[in-house]
Amino acid sequence: LPLDNSAIGQVLRYWGLNEPLFDSVPELPLFTSGIRDPHIAAFSVPVFGEGNKLLAALALTGPASRLTQSMRDSEMGKLMKEAACRLSVKSGAHKVMCDNVYKI
């Protein structure tokens, strides 16, 4: 499947392929709903490795009726960013870069 505009696809395209999807670094986690299926929503954050290069996308996917944009600023959004930051640092990314990207 081609990369799409889902939250996961946006992480891979923006941080992995350097596609200019946003005017500035977006607020994390990214959120989309109904992109590939009207009933599915997702949050996604980048995970970096050595050289601060994209390693993976960490995602939380579920029913659109339960995952909403307002959850991005909740404890769930904070936990995703903290987990991505820890994974990134343990994978070789610089802590300062992670602090700038995740803003936790």
N, C-alpha and C. Protein backbone atom coordinates (compact mmCIF):
# COMPACT_ATOMS: atom_id res chain seq x y z
N LEU A 1 0.84 -1.19 0.00
CA LEU A 1 0.00 0.00 0.00
C LEU A 1 0.87 1.25 0.00
N PRO A 2 0.47 2.27 -0.74
CA PRO A 2 1.24 3.52 -0.70
C PRO A 2 1.03 4.23 0.64
N LEU A 3 2.02 5.05 1.02
CA LEU A 3 1.85 5.85 2.23
C LEU A 3 0.71 6.82 1.99
N ASP A 4 -0.13 6.99 2.98
CA ASP A 4 -1.28 7.87 2.83
C ASP A 4 -1.19 9.00 3.85
N ASN A 5 -2.31 9.63 4.08
CA ASN A 5 -2.35 10.75 5.02
C ASN A 5 -2.79 10.34 6.42
N SER A 6 -2.72 9.05 6.72
CA SER A 6 -3.02 8.60 8.09
C SER A 6 -1.95 9.15 9.02
N ALA A 7 -2.21 9.10 10.31
CA ALA A 7 -1.23 9.59 11.29
C ALA A 7 0.11 8.87 11.12
N ILE A 8 0.07 7.57 10.92
CA ILE A 8 1.29 6.80 10.73
C ILE A 8 1.98 7.21 9.42
N GLY A 9 1.21 7.30 8.35
CA GLY A 9 1.77 7.71 7.06
C GLY A 9 2.39 9.09 7.12
N GLN A 10 1.76 10.01 7.85
CA GLN A 10 2.31 11.36 7.98
C GLN A 10 3.64 11.35 8.72
N VAL A 11 3.76 10.54 9.77
CA VAL A 11 5.03 10.44 10.49
C VAL A 11 6.11 9.91 9.55
N LEU A 12 5.81 8.85 8.82
CA LEU A 12 6.80 8.26 7.92
C LEU A 12 7.18 9.21 6.79
N ARG A 13 6.20 9.91 6.25
CA ARG A 13 6.47 10.83 5.13
C ARG A 13 7.22 12.07 5.59
N TYR A 14 6.81 12.67 6.72
CA TYR A 14 7.40 13.93 7.17
C TYR A 14 8.81 13.73 7.72
N TRP A 15 8.97 12.78 8.66
CA TRP A 15 10.27 12.59 9.30
C TRP A 15 11.15 11.60 8.54
N GLY A 16 10.56 10.66 7.82
CA GLY A 16 11.35 9.66 7.12
C GLY A 16 11.72 10.04 5.70
N LEU A 17 10.78 10.65 4.98
CA LEU A 17 11.02 11.01 3.58
C LEU A 17 11.22 12.51 3.40
N ASN A 18 11.12 13.26 4.50
CA ASN A 18 11.28 14.73 4.48
C ASN A 18 10.30 15.42 3.54
N GLU A 19 9.09 14.88 3.42
CA GLU A 19 8.07 15.54 2.62
C GLU A 19 7.56 16.76 3.37
N PRO A 20 7.39 17.89 2.69
CA PRO A 20 6.94 19.12 3.35
C PRO A 20 5.43 19.13 3.60
N LEU A 21 4.98 18.31 4.53
CA LEU A 21 3.54 18.21 4.82
C LEU A 21 3.03 19.35 5.69
N PHE A 22 3.92 19.95 6.48
CA PHE A 22 3.52 20.97 7.45
C PHE A 22 4.42 22.19 7.28
N ASP A 23 3.89 23.37 7.62
CA ASP A 23 4.68 24.60 7.57
C ASP A 23 5.72 24.66 8.68
N SER A 24 5.40 24.05 9.81
CA SER A 24 6.33 23.99 10.94
C SER A 24 6.19 22.61 11.58
N VAL A 25 7.08 22.30 12.51
CA VAL A 25 7.02 21.00 13.18
C VAL A 25 5.65 20.86 13.84
N PRO A 26 4.91 19.81 13.52
CA PRO A 26 3.55 19.66 14.05
C PRO A 26 3.51 19.28 15.52
N GLU A 27 2.39 19.59 16.14
CA GLU A 27 2.15 19.18 17.53
C GLU A 27 1.92 17.67 17.55
N LEU A 28 2.52 17.04 18.53
CA LEU A 28 2.42 15.59 18.66
C LEU A 28 1.55 15.19 19.84
N PRO A 29 0.94 14.02 19.77
CA PRO A 29 0.95 13.09 18.67
C PRO A 29 0.07 13.56 17.51
N LEU A 30 0.42 13.12 16.29
CA LEU A 30 -0.43 13.42 15.14
C LEU A 30 -1.71 12.62 15.30
N PHE A 31 -2.81 13.18 14.82
CA PHE A 31 -4.11 12.51 14.93
C PHE A 31 -4.80 12.52 13.58
N THR A 32 -5.38 11.40 13.21
CA THR A 32 -6.25 11.34 12.04
C THR A 32 -7.43 10.44 12.36
N SER A 33 -8.52 10.67 11.65
CA SER A 33 -9.71 9.85 11.82
C SER A 33 -10.39 9.69 10.46
N GLY A 34 -10.76 8.47 10.13
CA GLY A 34 -11.50 8.22 8.90
C GLY A 34 -10.69 8.31 7.62
N ILE A 35 -9.38 8.24 7.68
CA ILE A 35 -8.56 8.37 6.47
C ILE A 35 -8.70 7.15 5.57
N ARG A 36 -8.52 5.97 6.10
CA ARG A 36 -8.64 4.74 5.30
C ARG A 36 -9.96 4.03 5.55
N ASP A 37 -10.53 4.26 6.72
CA ASP A 37 -11.78 3.62 7.11
C ASP A 37 -12.52 4.62 7.98
N PRO A 38 -13.79 4.87 7.73
CA PRO A 38 -14.51 5.90 8.50
C PRO A 38 -14.63 5.61 9.99
N HIS A 39 -14.38 4.39 10.38
CA HIS A 39 -14.55 3.99 11.78
C HIS A 39 -13.24 3.89 12.55
N ILE A 40 -12.11 4.23 11.92
CA ILE A 40 -10.80 4.06 12.54
C ILE A 40 -10.12 5.41 12.73
N ALA A 41 -9.55 5.61 13.92
CA ALA A 41 -8.77 6.81 14.23
C ALA A 41 -7.40 6.36 14.73
N ALA A 42 -6.43 7.27 14.65
CA ALA A 42 -5.08 6.90 15.08
C ALA A 42 -4.31 8.11 15.58
N PHE A 43 -3.43 7.85 16.53
CA PHE A 43 -2.43 8.80 17.00
C PHE A 43 -1.08 8.19 16.63
N SER A 44 -0.11 9.04 16.30
CA SER A 44 1.21 8.53 15.97
C SER A 44 2.28 9.55 16.31
N VAL A 45 3.43 9.05 16.75
CA VAL A 45 4.60 9.88 17.04
C VAL A 45 5.82 9.22 16.42
N PRO A 46 6.81 10.02 16.02
CA PRO A 46 8.03 9.44 15.47
C PRO A 46 8.92 8.89 16.57
N VAL A 47 9.67 7.86 16.23
CA VAL A 47 10.72 7.32 17.10
C VAL A 47 12.01 7.42 16.30
N PHE A 48 13.03 8.02 16.90
CA PHE A 48 14.29 8.26 16.22
C PHE A 48 15.38 7.33 16.74
N GLY A 49 16.43 7.18 15.94
CA GLY A 49 17.56 6.36 16.34
C GLY A 49 18.86 7.11 16.12
N GLU A 50 19.92 6.37 15.87
CA GLU A 50 21.24 6.98 15.68
C GLU A 50 21.20 8.03 14.59
N GLY A 51 21.93 9.12 14.83
CA GLY A 51 21.96 10.22 13.88
C GLY A 51 20.66 11.00 13.84
N ASN A 52 19.79 10.80 14.82
CA ASN A 52 18.48 11.46 14.90
C ASN A 52 17.62 11.17 13.67
N LYS A 53 17.82 10.00 13.06
CA LYS A 53 17.04 9.62 11.89
C LYS A 53 15.83 8.81 12.33
N LEU A 54 14.74 8.96 11.57
CA LEU A 54 13.52 8.23 11.89
C LEU A 54 13.79 6.73 11.91
N LEU A 55 13.37 6.10 12.97
CA LEU A 55 13.51 4.66 13.14
C LEU A 55 12.17 3.96 12.93
N ALA A 56 11.10 4.58 13.46
CA ALA A 56 9.78 3.95 13.42
C ALA A 56 8.70 4.98 13.75
N ALA A 57 7.47 4.55 13.59
CA ALA A 57 6.32 5.33 14.03
C ALA A 57 5.63 4.53 15.14
N LEU A 58 5.47 5.15 16.29
CA LEU A 58 4.74 4.54 17.40
C LEU A 58 3.29 4.99 17.27
N ALA A 59 2.36 4.04 17.23
CA ALA A 59 0.97 4.41 16.96
C ALA A 59 0.00 3.76 17.94
N LEU A 60 -1.11 4.44 18.10
CA LEU A 60 -2.25 3.94 18.86
C LEU A 60 -3.45 4.07 17.93
N THR A 61 -4.05 2.94 17.58
CA THR A 61 -5.15 2.92 16.63
C THR A 61 -6.36 2.28 17.28
N GLY A 62 -7.54 2.82 16.98
CA GLY A 62 -8.75 2.26 17.55
C GLY A 62 -9.99 2.84 16.93
N PRO A 63 -11.15 2.53 17.49
CA PRO A 63 -12.41 3.03 16.96
C PRO A 63 -12.48 4.56 17.03
N ALA A 64 -12.95 5.17 15.94
CA ALA A 64 -13.08 6.63 15.90
C ALA A 64 -14.05 7.13 16.97
N SER A 65 -14.95 6.28 17.42
CA SER A 65 -15.89 6.68 18.46
C SER A 65 -15.21 6.81 19.83
N ARG A 66 -14.02 6.22 19.97
CA ARG A 66 -13.32 6.26 21.26
C ARG A 66 -12.05 7.11 21.24
N LEU A 67 -11.38 7.18 20.09
CA LEU A 67 -10.17 8.01 19.97
C LEU A 67 -10.55 9.33 19.32
N THR A 68 -10.37 10.41 20.05
CA THR A 68 -10.75 11.73 19.53
C THR A 68 -9.57 12.69 19.61
N GLN A 69 -9.64 13.74 18.81
CA GLN A 69 -8.57 14.75 18.77
C GLN A 69 -8.30 15.33 20.16
N SER A 70 -9.35 15.50 20.97
CA SER A 70 -9.16 16.09 22.30
C SER A 70 -8.26 15.25 23.19
N MET A 71 -8.11 13.98 22.88
CA MET A 71 -7.25 13.11 23.68
C MET A 71 -5.77 13.42 23.48
N ARG A 72 -5.43 14.14 22.40
CA ARG A 72 -4.02 14.46 22.14
C ARG A 72 -3.42 15.23 23.29
N ASP A 73 -4.17 16.13 23.89
CA ASP A 73 -3.66 16.95 24.99
C ASP A 73 -3.90 16.31 26.35
N SER A 74 -4.39 15.09 26.36
CA SER A 74 -4.67 14.40 27.62
C SER A 74 -3.44 13.62 28.07
N GLU A 75 -3.60 12.88 29.15
CA GLU A 75 -2.53 12.03 29.68
C GLU A 75 -2.06 11.03 28.62
N MET A 76 -2.98 10.55 27.80
CA MET A 76 -2.63 9.58 26.76
C MET A 76 -1.61 10.17 25.79
N GLY A 77 -1.81 11.39 25.35
CA GLY A 77 -0.87 12.04 24.44
C GLY A 77 0.49 12.23 25.08
N LYS A 78 0.49 12.61 26.34
CA LYS A 78 1.74 12.80 27.08
C LYS A 78 2.49 11.48 27.22
N LEU A 79 1.77 10.41 27.53
CA LEU A 79 2.40 9.09 27.68
C LEU A 79 3.01 8.62 26.36
N MET A 80 2.34 8.87 25.25
CA MET A 80 2.89 8.48 23.94
C MET A 80 4.19 9.22 23.66
N LYS A 81 4.21 10.53 23.95
CA LYS A 81 5.42 11.31 23.70
C LYS A 81 6.56 10.87 24.62
N GLU A 82 6.24 10.60 25.88
CA GLU A 82 7.27 10.14 26.81
C GLU A 82 7.85 8.79 26.37
N ALA A 83 6.97 7.88 25.94
CA ALA A 83 7.44 6.57 25.48
C ALA A 83 8.31 6.71 24.23
N ALA A 84 7.89 7.55 23.30
CA ALA A 84 8.67 7.76 22.08
C ALA A 84 10.02 8.38 22.40
N CYS A 85 10.05 9.30 23.35
CA CYS A 85 11.30 9.94 23.75
C CYS A 85 12.25 8.90 24.36
N ARG A 86 11.74 8.08 25.26
CA ARG A 86 12.57 7.04 25.88
C ARG A 86 13.10 6.05 24.84
N LEU A 87 12.22 5.61 23.95
CA LEU A 87 12.64 4.68 22.89
C LEU A 87 13.70 5.32 22.00
N SER A 88 13.51 6.59 21.67
CA SER A 88 14.45 7.29 20.79
C SER A 88 15.83 7.40 21.44
N VAL A 89 15.86 7.85 22.69
CA VAL A 89 17.14 8.01 23.38
C VAL A 89 17.85 6.66 23.51
N LYS A 90 17.09 5.62 23.86
CA LYS A 90 17.69 4.29 23.99
C LYS A 90 18.15 3.73 22.65
N SER A 91 17.60 4.28 21.56
CA SER A 91 17.98 3.83 20.22
C SER A 91 19.08 4.68 19.61
N GLY A 92 19.58 5.66 20.37
CA GLY A 92 20.72 6.45 19.91
C GLY A 92 20.44 7.88 19.51
N ALA A 93 19.19 8.34 19.61
CA ALA A 93 18.88 9.73 19.28
C ALA A 93 19.37 10.65 20.40
N HIS A 94 19.66 11.88 20.07
CA HIS A 94 20.12 12.85 21.07
C HIS A 94 18.95 13.35 21.90
N LYS A 95 19.14 13.42 23.20
CA LYS A 95 18.09 13.86 24.14
C LYS A 95 17.62 15.27 23.81
N VAL A 96 18.54 16.17 23.46
CA VAL A 96 18.16 17.56 23.16
C VAL A 96 17.21 17.61 21.97
N MET A 97 17.49 16.84 20.93
CA MET A 97 16.61 16.79 19.77
C MET A 97 15.25 16.25 20.16
N CYS A 98 15.24 15.20 20.97
CA CYS A 98 13.97 14.62 21.42
C CYS A 98 13.16 15.63 22.22
N ASP A 99 13.82 16.36 23.10
CA ASP A 99 13.12 17.38 23.89
C ASP A 99 12.47 18.42 22.98
N ASN A 100 13.16 18.78 21.89
CA ASN A 100 12.61 19.77 20.95
C ASN A 100 11.44 19.22 20.15
N VAL A 101 11.49 17.96 19.78
CA VAL A 101 10.42 17.36 18.98
C VAL A 101 9.20 17.04 19.83
N TYR A 102 9.40 16.41 20.98
CA TYR A 102 8.28 15.93 21.79
C TYR A 102 7.72 16.99 22.73
N LYS A 103 8.51 17.97 23.11
CA LYS A 103 8.07 19.07 23.98
C LYS A 103 7.33 18.56 25.22
N ILE A 104 7.99 17.65 25.97
CA ILE A 104 7.37 17.12 27.19
C ILE A 104 8.01 17.72 28.42
